[in-house]
């Protein structure tokens, strides 16, 4: 196949210069700890690291919760990467807490009931 020209294409991958998010997390012990969440880690990995460093056993009993400025509460999926929640985590008033899964479920149910019946919990 003489005379054929081969064309090579080079693509530059868009590289995100941010590889972590520095934030504070409120944990079940009542402490607030400064952490650096690695974007490529899963929520489970980060939750386990934070709890291990603060001597909290049984990380499977806990969930990581994103608290929005509008009083919303979102349980973050253990299987998702931190990168999946990056934009939400970088909001100026976003707060993160780690709490018992059963307590978090109760809080979400209460918030849903208050929205359904148009009243606010105090």
Protein backbone atom coordinates (compact mmCIF):
# COMPACT_ATOMS: atom_id res chain seq x y z
CA UNK A 1 0.00 0.00 0.00
CA UNK A 2 2.55 2.42 -1.14
CA UNK A 3 1.59 6.02 -1.18
CA UNK A 4 -0.83 5.82 1.75
CA UNK A 5 -0.41 8.49 4.34
CA UNK A 6 -0.79 7.69 7.95
CA UNK A 7 -2.13 10.41 10.14
CA UNK A 8 -1.45 10.30 13.82
CA UNK A 9 -3.68 12.19 16.18
CA UNK A 10 -2.56 13.28 19.56
CA UNK A 11 -5.10 14.31 22.10
CA UNK A 12 -4.26 16.13 25.24
CA UNK A 13 -6.29 14.82 28.10
CA UNK A 14 -7.85 17.51 30.18
CA UNK A 15 -6.15 17.20 33.53
CA UNK A 16 -7.88 18.44 36.64
CA UNK A 17 -5.20 20.16 38.73
CA UNK A 18 -7.19 19.51 41.91
CA UNK A 19 -6.55 16.08 43.44
CA UNK A 20 -7.97 16.68 46.92
CA UNK A 21 -10.35 18.84 48.90
CA UNK A 22 -9.36 20.27 52.27
CA UNK A 23 -12.33 20.52 54.60
CA UNK A 24 -13.56 19.88 58.11
CA UNK A 25 -15.71 16.93 59.11
CA UNK A 26 -17.86 16.64 62.22
CA UNK A 27 -17.59 13.10 63.56
CA UNK A 28 -19.73 11.05 65.93
CA UNK A 29 -17.49 11.80 68.92
CA UNK A 30 -18.48 15.46 68.74
CA UNK A 31 -15.11 16.49 67.36
CA UNK A 32 -14.53 18.50 64.22
CA UNK A 33 -11.43 17.33 62.35
CA UNK A 34 -9.49 18.86 59.47
CA UNK A 35 -9.15 16.40 56.57
CA UNK A 36 -7.88 16.25 53.03
CA UNK A 37 -10.30 14.17 50.93
CA UNK A 38 -8.54 12.55 47.95
CA UNK A 39 -10.70 12.84 44.82
CA UNK A 40 -9.79 9.37 43.53
CA UNK A 41 -10.72 7.62 46.78
CA UNK A 42 -14.19 6.32 47.47
CA UNK A 43 -16.38 7.85 50.14
CA UNK A 44 -15.99 4.55 52.04
CA UNK A 45 -12.17 4.81 52.01
CA UNK A 46 -12.22 8.39 53.27
CA UNK A 47 -14.84 7.62 55.93
CA UNK A 48 -12.85 4.60 57.17
CA UNK A 49 -9.61 6.63 57.28
CA UNK A 50 -11.22 9.45 59.27
CA UNK A 51 -12.87 7.08 61.73
CA UNK A 52 -9.70 4.97 62.13
CA UNK A 53 -7.57 8.06 62.84
CA UNK A 54 -10.08 9.08 65.52
CA UNK A 55 -10.35 5.64 67.16
CA UNK A 56 -13.93 4.97 66.10
CA UNK A 57 -14.61 1.26 65.49
CA UNK A 58 -17.07 -0.38 63.07
CA UNK A 59 -17.01 2.10 60.16
CA UNK A 60 -19.78 0.15 58.39
CA UNK A 61 -22.24 1.49 60.98
CA UNK A 62 -21.61 5.07 59.84
CA UNK A 63 -22.41 7.22 56.83
CA UNK A 64 -20.90 10.42 55.50
CA UNK A 65 -23.50 13.17 55.16
CA UNK A 66 -23.34 16.37 53.13
CA UNK A 67 -25.26 19.18 54.83
CA UNK A 68 -26.28 21.96 52.48
CA UNK A 69 -26.80 25.62 53.28
CA UNK A 70 -30.56 25.13 52.76
CA UNK A 71 -30.63 22.60 55.65
CA UNK A 72 -30.71 19.69 53.20
CA UNK A 73 -28.95 16.47 54.22
CA UNK A 74 -27.62 14.01 51.66
CA UNK A 75 -26.10 10.65 52.53
CA UNK A 76 -23.07 10.13 50.30
CA UNK A 77 -22.79 6.75 48.62
CA UNK A 78 -19.90 4.66 49.97
CA UNK A 79 -19.19 3.34 46.46
CA UNK A 80 -18.91 6.74 44.76
CA UNK A 81 -15.61 8.55 44.52
CA UNK A 82 -15.05 11.87 46.22
CA UNK A 83 -14.67 13.31 42.70
CA UNK A 84 -18.35 12.46 42.03
CA UNK A 85 -19.36 14.92 44.79
CA UNK A 86 -16.56 17.42 44.12
CA UNK A 87 -18.72 20.40 43.11
CA UNK A 88 -21.08 19.96 46.04
CA UNK A 89 -18.21 19.51 48.49
CA UNK A 90 -16.51 22.68 47.27
CA UNK A 91 -19.55 24.89 47.87
CA UNK A 92 -18.71 27.62 50.36
CA UNK A 93 -21.22 26.59 53.02
CA UNK A 94 -21.17 22.82 52.56
CA UNK A 95 -20.62 20.89 55.77
CA UNK A 96 -19.74 17.23 56.16
CA UNK A 97 -20.51 14.98 59.08
CA UNK A 98 -20.09 11.31 59.85
CA UNK A 99 -22.92 9.88 61.88
CA UNK A 100 -24.59 6.57 62.67
CA UNK A 101 -26.51 5.26 59.69
CA UNK A 102 -29.69 4.75 61.75
CA UNK A 103 -29.57 8.35 63.03
CA UNK A 104 -29.00 9.72 59.53
CA UNK A 105 -31.99 7.77 58.19
CA UNK A 106 -34.20 9.20 60.96
CA UNK A 107 -33.03 12.73 60.15
CA UNK A 108 -33.81 12.30 56.45
CA UNK A 109 -37.26 10.91 57.22
CA UNK A 110 -38.03 13.85 59.52
CA UNK A 111 -36.90 16.35 56.91
CA UNK A 112 -39.01 14.65 54.23
CA UNK A 113 -42.09 14.70 56.49
CA UNK A 114 -41.64 18.39 57.23
CA UNK A 115 -41.44 19.20 53.51
CA UNK A 116 -44.43 17.02 52.72
CA UNK A 117 -46.63 18.75 55.28
CA UNK A 118 -45.01 22.19 54.86
CA UNK A 119 -43.76 22.72 58.42
CA UNK A 120 -40.32 23.31 59.90
CA UNK A 121 -38.74 21.35 62.73
CA UNK A 122 -37.17 23.39 65.52
